[in-house]
């Protein structure tokens, strides 16, 4: 079952959509763009979570700070 919605948009955006969609039905084309946008949004959100989850943290004791700094430089 599909739901009917109404949106308002900037005239420039509307013209761009009209020029790109060609002969495809407007509602079908906008639905397709929303699906692509949601997939992209979910992928970026998941990438962001993965980056934060995989971020490494090195804890350096104040006693070993100079030694660790020297090892990283070599």
PDB file of N, CA and C in Angstrom:
ATOM      1  N   UNK A   1       0.840  -1.174   0.000  1.00  0.00           N
ATOM      2  CA  UNK A   1       0.000   0.000   0.000  1.00  0.00           C
ATOM      3  C   UNK A   1       0.887   1.240   0.000  1.00  0.00           C
ATOM      4  N   UNK A   2       0.583   2.181  -0.824  1.00  0.00           N
ATOM      5  CA  UNK A   2       1.340   3.418  -0.901  1.00  0.00           C
ATOM      6  C   UNK A   2       0.566   4.525  -0.208  1.00  0.00           C
ATOM      7  N   UNK A   3       1.331   5.483   0.331  1.00  0.00           N
ATOM      8  CA  UNK A   3       0.732   6.621   1.012  1.00  0.00           C
ATOM      9  C   UNK A   3       0.880   7.864   0.150  1.00  0.00           C
ATOM     10  N   UNK A   4      -0.101   8.712   0.208  1.00  0.00           N
ATOM     11  CA  UNK A   4      -0.078   9.959  -0.536  1.00  0.00           C
ATOM     12  C   UNK A   4       0.420  11.066   0.389  1.00  0.00           C
ATOM     13  N   UNK A   5       1.466  11.782  -0.041  1.00  0.00           N
ATOM     14  CA  UNK A   5       1.982  12.895   0.745  1.00  0.00           C
ATOM     15  C   UNK A   5       2.053  14.133  -0.132  1.00  0.00           C
ATOM     16  N   UNK A   6       2.180  15.262   0.501  1.00  0.00           N
ATOM     17  CA  UNK A   6       2.325  16.521  -0.220  1.00  0.00           C
ATOM     18  C   UNK A   6       3.562  17.228   0.304  1.00  0.00           C
ATOM     19  N   UNK A   7       4.368  17.784  -0.592  1.00  0.00           N
ATOM     20  CA  UNK A   7       5.554  18.517  -0.178  1.00  0.00           C
ATOM     21  C   UNK A   7       5.595  19.857  -0.909  1.00  0.00           C
ATOM     22  N   UNK A   8       6.315  20.780  -0.327  1.00  0.00           N
ATOM     23  CA  UNK A   8       6.598  22.036  -1.017  1.00  0.00           C
ATOM     24  C   UNK A   8       8.098  22.102  -1.211  1.00  0.00           C
ATOM     25  N   UNK A   9       8.525  22.711  -2.303  1.00  0.00           N
ATOM     26  CA  UNK A   9       9.951  22.810  -2.577  1.00  0.00           C
ATOM     27  C   UNK A   9      10.248  24.077  -3.347  1.00  0.00           C
ATOM     28  N   UNK A  10      11.508  24.446  -3.288  1.00  0.00           N
ATOM     29  CA  UNK A  10      11.994  25.611  -3.995  1.00  0.00           C
ATOM     30  C   UNK A  10      11.766  25.450  -5.499  1.00  0.00           C
ATOM     31  N   UNK A  11      11.480  26.540  -6.165  1.00  0.00           N
ATOM     32  CA  UNK A  11      11.193  26.498  -7.597  1.00  0.00           C
ATOM     33  C   UNK A  11      12.385  25.971  -8.402  1.00  0.00           C
ATOM     34  N   UNK A  12      13.607  26.343  -8.006  1.00  0.00           N
ATOM     35  CA  UNK A  12      14.796  25.862  -8.727  1.00  0.00           C
ATOM     36  C   UNK A  12      14.932  24.348  -8.606  1.00  0.00           C
ATOM     37  N   UNK A  13      14.677  23.819  -7.419  1.00  0.00           N
ATOM     38  CA  UNK A  13      14.733  22.376  -7.208  1.00  0.00           C
ATOM     39  C   UNK A  13      13.667  21.681  -8.042  1.00  0.00           C
ATOM     40  N   UNK A  14      12.474  22.236  -8.070  1.00  0.00           N
ATOM     41  CA  UNK A  14      11.387  21.654  -8.857  1.00  0.00           C
ATOM     42  C   UNK A  14      11.764  21.607 -10.336  1.00  0.00           C
ATOM     43  N   UNK A  15      12.313  22.697 -10.857  1.00  0.00           N
ATOM     44  CA  UNK A  15      12.708  22.737 -12.279  1.00  0.00           C
ATOM     45  C   UNK A  15      13.800  21.711 -12.562  1.00  0.00           C
ATOM     46  N   UNK A  16      14.746  21.575 -11.643  1.00  0.00           N
ATOM     47  CA  UNK A  16      15.819  20.595 -11.827  1.00  0.00           C
ATOM     48  C   UNK A  16      15.250  19.185 -11.875  1.00  0.00           C
ATOM     49  N   UNK A  17      14.337  18.873 -10.966  1.00  0.00           N
ATOM     50  CA  UNK A  17      13.684  17.557 -10.984  1.00  0.00           C
ATOM     51  C   UNK A  17      12.941  17.329 -12.297  1.00  0.00           C
ATOM     52  N   UNK A  18      12.219  18.341 -12.741  1.00  0.00           N
ATOM     53  CA  UNK A  18      11.455  18.219 -13.980  1.00  0.00           C
ATOM     54  C   UNK A  18      12.366  17.981 -15.178  1.00  0.00           C
ATOM     55  N   UNK A  19      13.502  18.662 -15.200  1.00  0.00           N
ATOM     56  CA  UNK A  19      14.434  18.505 -16.325  1.00  0.00           C
ATOM     57  C   UNK A  19      15.099  17.136 -16.318  1.00  0.00           C
ATOM     58  N   UNK A  20      15.379  16.604 -15.146  1.00  0.00           N
ATOM     59  CA  UNK A  20      16.082  15.324 -15.042  1.00  0.00           C
ATOM     60  C   UNK A  20      15.156  14.137 -15.281  1.00  0.00           C
ATOM     61  N   UNK A  21      13.930  14.191 -14.787  1.00  0.00           N
ATOM     62  CA  UNK A  21      13.061  13.008 -14.796  1.00  0.00           C
ATOM     63  C   UNK A  21      12.605  12.585 -16.179  1.00  0.00           C
ATOM     64  N   UNK A  22      12.603  13.478 -17.138  1.00  0.00           N
ATOM     65  CA  UNK A  22      12.172  13.114 -18.490  1.00  0.00           C
ATOM     66  C   UNK A  22      10.715  12.695 -18.510  1.00  0.00           C
ATOM     67  N   UNK A  23      10.446  11.491 -19.044  1.00  0.00           N
ATOM     68  CA  UNK A  23       9.063  11.037 -19.182  1.00  0.00           C
ATOM     69  C   UNK A  23       8.587  10.184 -18.014  1.00  0.00           C
ATOM     70  N   UNK A  24       9.469   9.922 -17.061  1.00  0.00           N
ATOM     71  CA  UNK A  24       9.085   9.132 -15.892  1.00  0.00           C
ATOM     72  C   UNK A  24       8.093   9.918 -15.038  1.00  0.00           C
ATOM     73  N   UNK A  25       7.143   9.207 -14.439  1.00  0.00           N
ATOM     74  CA  UNK A  25       6.178   9.870 -13.566  1.00  0.00           C
ATOM     75  C   UNK A  25       6.897  10.589 -12.443  1.00  0.00           C
ATOM     76  N   UNK A  26       6.426  11.790 -12.130  1.00  0.00           N
ATOM     77  CA  UNK A  26       7.061  12.602 -11.093  1.00  0.00           C
ATOM     78  C   UNK A  26       7.125  11.855  -9.763  1.00  0.00           C
ATOM     79  N   UNK A  27       6.036  11.268  -9.342  1.00  0.00           N
ATOM     80  CA  UNK A  27       6.008  10.586  -8.043  1.00  0.00           C
ATOM     81  C   UNK A  27       6.962   9.393  -8.026  1.00  0.00           C
ATOM     82  N   UNK A  28       7.043   8.659  -9.114  1.00  0.00           N
ATOM     83  CA  UNK A  28       7.947   7.513  -9.208  1.00  0.00           C
ATOM     84  C   UNK A  28       9.394   7.977  -9.134  1.00  0.00           C
ATOM     85  N   UNK A  29       9.689   9.070  -9.834  1.00  0.00           N
ATOM     86  CA  UNK A  29      11.045   9.595  -9.847  1.00  0.00           C
ATOM     87  C   UNK A  29      11.458  10.108  -8.466  1.00  0.00           C
ATOM     88  N   UNK A  30      10.591  10.835  -7.800  1.00  0.00           N
ATOM     89  CA  UNK A  30      10.896  11.359  -6.473  1.00  0.00           C
ATOM     90  C   UNK A  30      11.040  10.210  -5.475  1.00  0.00           C
ATOM     91  N   UNK A  31      10.203   9.193  -5.587  1.00  0.00           N
ATOM     92  CA  UNK A  31      10.321   8.027  -4.716  1.00  0.00           C
ATOM     93  C   UNK A  31      11.681   7.363  -4.917  1.00  0.00           C
ATOM     94  N   UNK A  32      12.103   7.234  -6.163  1.00  0.00           N
ATOM     95  CA  UNK A  32      13.409   6.645  -6.480  1.00  0.00           C
ATOM     96  C   UNK A  32      14.539   7.458  -5.849  1.00  0.00           C
ATOM     97  N   UNK A  33      14.476   8.790  -5.961  1.00  0.00           N
ATOM     98  CA  UNK A  33      15.506   9.645  -5.373  1.00  0.00           C
ATOM     99  C   UNK A  33      15.533   9.536  -3.853  1.00  0.00           C
ATOM    100  N   UNK A  34      14.379   9.412  -3.239  1.00  0.00           N
ATOM    101  CA  UNK A  34      14.313   9.264  -1.786  1.00  0.00           C
ATOM    102  C   UNK A  34      14.944   7.946  -1.365  1.00  0.00           C
ATOM    103  N   UNK A  35      14.676   6.880  -2.096  1.00  0.00           N
ATOM    104  CA  UNK A  35      15.273   5.576  -1.799  1.00  0.00           C
ATOM    105  C   UNK A  35      16.794   5.659  -1.893  1.00  0.00           C
ATOM    106  N   UNK A  36      17.307   6.286  -2.958  1.00  0.00           N
ATOM    107  CA  UNK A  36      18.756   6.442  -3.109  1.00  0.00           C
ATOM    108  C   UNK A  36      19.335   7.279  -1.969  1.00  0.00           C
ATOM    109  N   UNK A  37      18.653   8.348  -1.613  1.00  0.00           N
ATOM    110  CA  UNK A  37      19.119   9.205  -0.530  1.00  0.00           C
ATOM    111  C   UNK A  37      19.141   8.489   0.806  1.00  0.00           C
ATOM    112  N   UNK A  38      18.124   7.690   1.079  1.00  0.00           N
ATOM    113  CA  UNK A  38      18.081   6.941   2.339  1.00  0.00           C
ATOM    114  C   UNK A  38      19.192   5.901   2.406  1.00  0.00           C
ATOM    115  N   UNK A  39      19.460   5.228   1.298  1.00  0.00           N
ATOM    116  CA  UNK A  39      20.554   4.253   1.264  1.00  0.00           C
ATOM    117  C   UNK A  39      21.880   4.944   1.531  1.00  0.00           C
ATOM    118  N   UNK A  40      22.091   6.081   0.893  1.00  0.00           N
ATOM    119  CA  UNK A  40      23.321   6.841   1.087  1.00  0.00           C
ATOM    120  C   UNK A  40      23.443   7.313   2.534  1.00  0.00           C
ATOM    121  N   UNK A  41      22.359   7.794   3.093  1.00  0.00           N
ATOM    122  CA  UNK A  41      22.334   8.266   4.475  1.00  0.00           C
ATOM    123  C   UNK A  41      22.684   7.136   5.444  1.00  0.00           C
ATOM    124  N   UNK A  42      22.072   5.965   5.238  1.00  0.00           N
ATOM    125  CA  UNK A  42      22.340   4.818   6.105  1.00  0.00           C
ATOM    126  C   UNK A  42      23.787   4.366   5.992  1.00  0.00           C
ATOM    127  N   UNK A  43      24.329   4.344   4.768  1.00  0.00           N
ATOM    128  CA  UNK A  43      25.725   3.940   4.568  1.00  0.00           C
ATOM    129  C   UNK A  43      26.683   4.902   5.265  1.00  0.00           C
ATOM    130  N   UNK A  44      26.450   6.199   5.130  1.00  0.00           N
ATOM    131  CA  UNK A  44      27.317   7.186   5.768  1.00  0.00           C
ATOM    132  C   UNK A  44      27.220   7.091   7.282  1.00  0.00           C
ATOM    133  N   UNK A  45      26.022   6.865   7.775  1.00  0.00           N
ATOM    134  CA  UNK A  45      25.832   6.743   9.220  1.00  0.00           C
ATOM    135  C   UNK A  45      26.561   5.509   9.744  1.00  0.00           C
ATOM    136  N   UNK A  46      26.491   4.405   9.016  1.00  0.00           N
ATOM    137  CA  UNK A  46      27.171   3.171   9.418  1.00  0.00           C
ATOM    138  C   UNK A  46      28.689   3.348   9.346  1.00  0.00           C
ATOM    139  N   UNK A  47      29.184   4.028   8.307  1.00  0.00           N
ATOM    140  CA  UNK A  47      30.619   4.291   8.194  1.00  0.00           C
ATOM    141  C   UNK A  47      31.096   5.124   9.372  1.00  0.00           C
ATOM    142  N   UNK A  48      30.303   6.098   9.753  1.00  0.00           N
ATOM    143  CA  UNK A  48      30.650   6.953  10.879  1.00  0.00           C
ATOM    144  C   UNK A  48      30.721   6.145  12.170  1.00  0.00           C
ATOM    145  N   UNK A  49      29.761   5.268  12.385  1.00  0.00           N
ATOM    146  CA  UNK A  49      29.767   4.407  13.570  1.00  0.00           C
ATOM    147  C   UNK A  49      30.995   3.501  13.568  1.00  0.00           C
ATOM    148  N   UNK A  50      31.316   2.940  12.414  1.00  0.00           N
ATOM    149  CA  UNK A  50      32.455   2.024  12.296  1.00  0.00           C
ATOM    150  C   UNK A  50      33.756   2.762  12.584  1.00  0.00           C
ATOM    151  N   UNK A  51      33.900   3.981  12.075  1.00  0.00           N
ATOM    152  CA  UNK A  51      35.117   4.750  12.316  1.00  0.00           C
ATOM    153  C   UNK A  51      35.275   5.041  13.795  1.00  0.00           C
ATOM    154  N   UNK A  52      34.188   5.430  14.455  1.00  0.00           N
ATOM    155  CA  UNK A  52      34.259   5.726  15.877  1.00  0.00           C
ATOM    156  C   UNK A  52      34.541   4.461  16.686  1.00  0.00           C
ATOM    157  N   UNK A  53      33.972   3.347  16.264  1.00  0.00           N
ATOM    158  CA  UNK A  53      34.153   2.086  16.971  1.00  0.00           C
ATOM    159  C   UNK A  53      35.579   1.575  16.820  1.00  0.00           C
ATOM    160  N   UNK A  54      36.187   1.806  15.656  1.00  0.00           N
ATOM    161  CA  UNK A  54      37.520   1.279  15.371  1.00  0.00           C
ATOM    162  C   UNK A  54      38.639   2.257  15.711  1.00  0.00           C
ATOM    163  N   UNK A  55      38.291   3.427  16.193  1.00  0.00           N
ATOM    164  CA  UNK A  55      39.326   4.397  16.540  1.00  0.00           C
ATOM    165  C   UNK A  55      40.188   3.829  17.653  1.00  0.00           C
ATOM    166  N   UNK A  56      41.500   3.876  17.438  1.00  0.00           N
ATOM    167  CA  UNK A  56      42.406   3.323  18.453  1.00  0.00           C
ATOM    168  C   UNK A  56      42.800   4.407  19.439  1.00  0.00           C
ATOM    169  N   UNK A  57      43.007   3.999  20.636  1.00  0.00           N
ATOM    170  CA  UNK A  57      43.402   4.896  21.698  1.00  0.00           C
ATOM    171  C   UNK A  57      44.620   4.308  22.375  1.00  0.00           C
ATOM    172  N   UNK A  58      45.682   5.078  22.428  1.00  0.00           N
ATOM    173  CA  UNK A  58      46.894   4.632  23.083  1.00  0.00           C
ATOM    174  C   UNK A  58      47.024   5.381  24.396  1.00  0.00           C
ATOM    175  N   UNK A  59      47.133   4.631  25.465  1.00  0.00           N
ATOM    176  CA  UNK A  59      47.319   5.221  26.779  1.00  0.00           C
ATOM    177  C   UNK A  59      48.797   5.169  27.099  1.00  0.00           C
ATOM    178  N   UNK A  60      49.362   6.335  27.368  1.00  0.00           N
ATOM    179  CA  UNK A  60      50.792   6.423  27.626  1.00  0.00           C
ATOM    180  C   UNK A  60      51.000   6.867  29.066  1.00  0.00           C
ATOM    181  N   UNK A  61      51.764   6.111  29.768  1.00  0.00           N
ATOM    182  CA  UNK A  61      52.119   6.468  31.142  1.00  0.00           C
ATOM    183  C   UNK A  61      53.040   7.681  31.108  1.00  0.00           C
ATOM    184  N   UNK A  62      52.898   8.594  32.052  1.00  0.00           N
ATOM    185  CA  UNK A  62      53.817   9.743  32.087  1.00  0.00           C
ATOM    186  C   UNK A  62      55.273   9.319  32.183  1.00  0.00           C
ATOM    187  N   UNK A  63      55.533   8.170  32.769  1.00  0.00           N
ATOM    188  CA  UNK A  63      56.905   7.689  32.898  1.00  0.00           C
ATOM    189  C   UNK A  63      57.485   7.230  31.568  1.00  0.00           C
ATOM    190  N   UNK A  64      56.621   6.773  30.654  1.00  0.00           N
ATOM    191  CA  UNK A  64      57.077   6.244  29.371  1.00  0.00           C
ATOM    192  C   UNK A  64      56.815   7.202  28.214  1.00  0.00           C
ATOM    193  N   UNK A  65      56.378   8.408  28.487  1.00  0.00           N
ATOM    194  CA  UNK A  65      55.980   9.340  27.432  1.00  0.00           C
ATOM    195  C   UNK A  65      57.125   9.609  26.462  1.00  0.00           C
ATOM    196  N   UNK A  66      58.290   9.992  26.950  1.00  0.00           N
ATOM    197  CA  UNK A  66      59.417  10.304  26.073  1.00  0.00           C
ATOM    198  C   UNK A  66      59.881   9.081  25.296  1.00  0.00           C
ATOM    199  N   UNK A  67      59.877   7.919  25.937  1.00  0.00           N
ATOM    200  CA  UNK A  67      60.284   6.681  25.277  1.00  0.00           C
ATOM    201  C   UNK A  67      59.321   6.341  24.139  1.00  0.00           C
ATOM    202  N   UNK A  68      57.996   6.463  24.391  1.00  0.00           N
ATOM    203  CA  UNK A  68      56.992   6.170  23.367  1.00  0.00           C
ATOM    204  C   UNK A  68      57.091   7.166  22.229  1.00  0.00           C
ATOM    205  N   UNK A  69      57.283   8.427  22.532  1.00  0.00           N
ATOM    206  CA  UNK A  69      57.423   9.462  21.520  1.00  0.00           C
ATOM    207  C   UNK A  69      58.624   9.167  20.642  1.00  0.00           C
ATOM    208  N   UNK A  70      59.720   8.742  21.251  1.00  0.00           N
ATOM    209  CA  UNK A  70      60.939   8.426  20.491  1.00  0.00           C
ATOM    210  C   UNK A  70      60.718   7.211  19.592  1.00  0.00           C
ATOM    211  N   UNK A  71      60.044   6.189  20.079  1.00  0.00           N
ATOM    212  CA  UNK A  71      59.785   4.982  19.301  1.00  0.00           C
ATOM    213  C   UNK A  71      58.893   5.291  18.109  1.00  0.00           C
ATOM    214  N   UNK A  72      57.903   6.171  18.278  1.00  0.00           N
ATOM    215  CA  UNK A  72      57.004   6.522  17.190  1.00  0.00           C
ATOM    216  C   UNK A  72      57.740   7.273  16.093  1.00  0.00           C
ATOM    217  N   UNK A  73      58.759   8.029  16.455  1.00  0.00           N
ATOM    218  CA  UNK A  73      59.503   8.826  15.487  1.00  0.00           C
ATOM    219  C   UNK A  73      60.453   7.972  14.654  1.00  0.00           C
ATOM    220  N   UNK A  74      60.838   6.810  15.151  1.00  0.00           N
ATOM    221  CA  UNK A  74      61.804   5.968  14.422  1.00  0.00           C
ATOM    222  C   UNK A  74      61.126   4.986  13.529  1.00  0.00           C
TER     223      UNK A  74
END
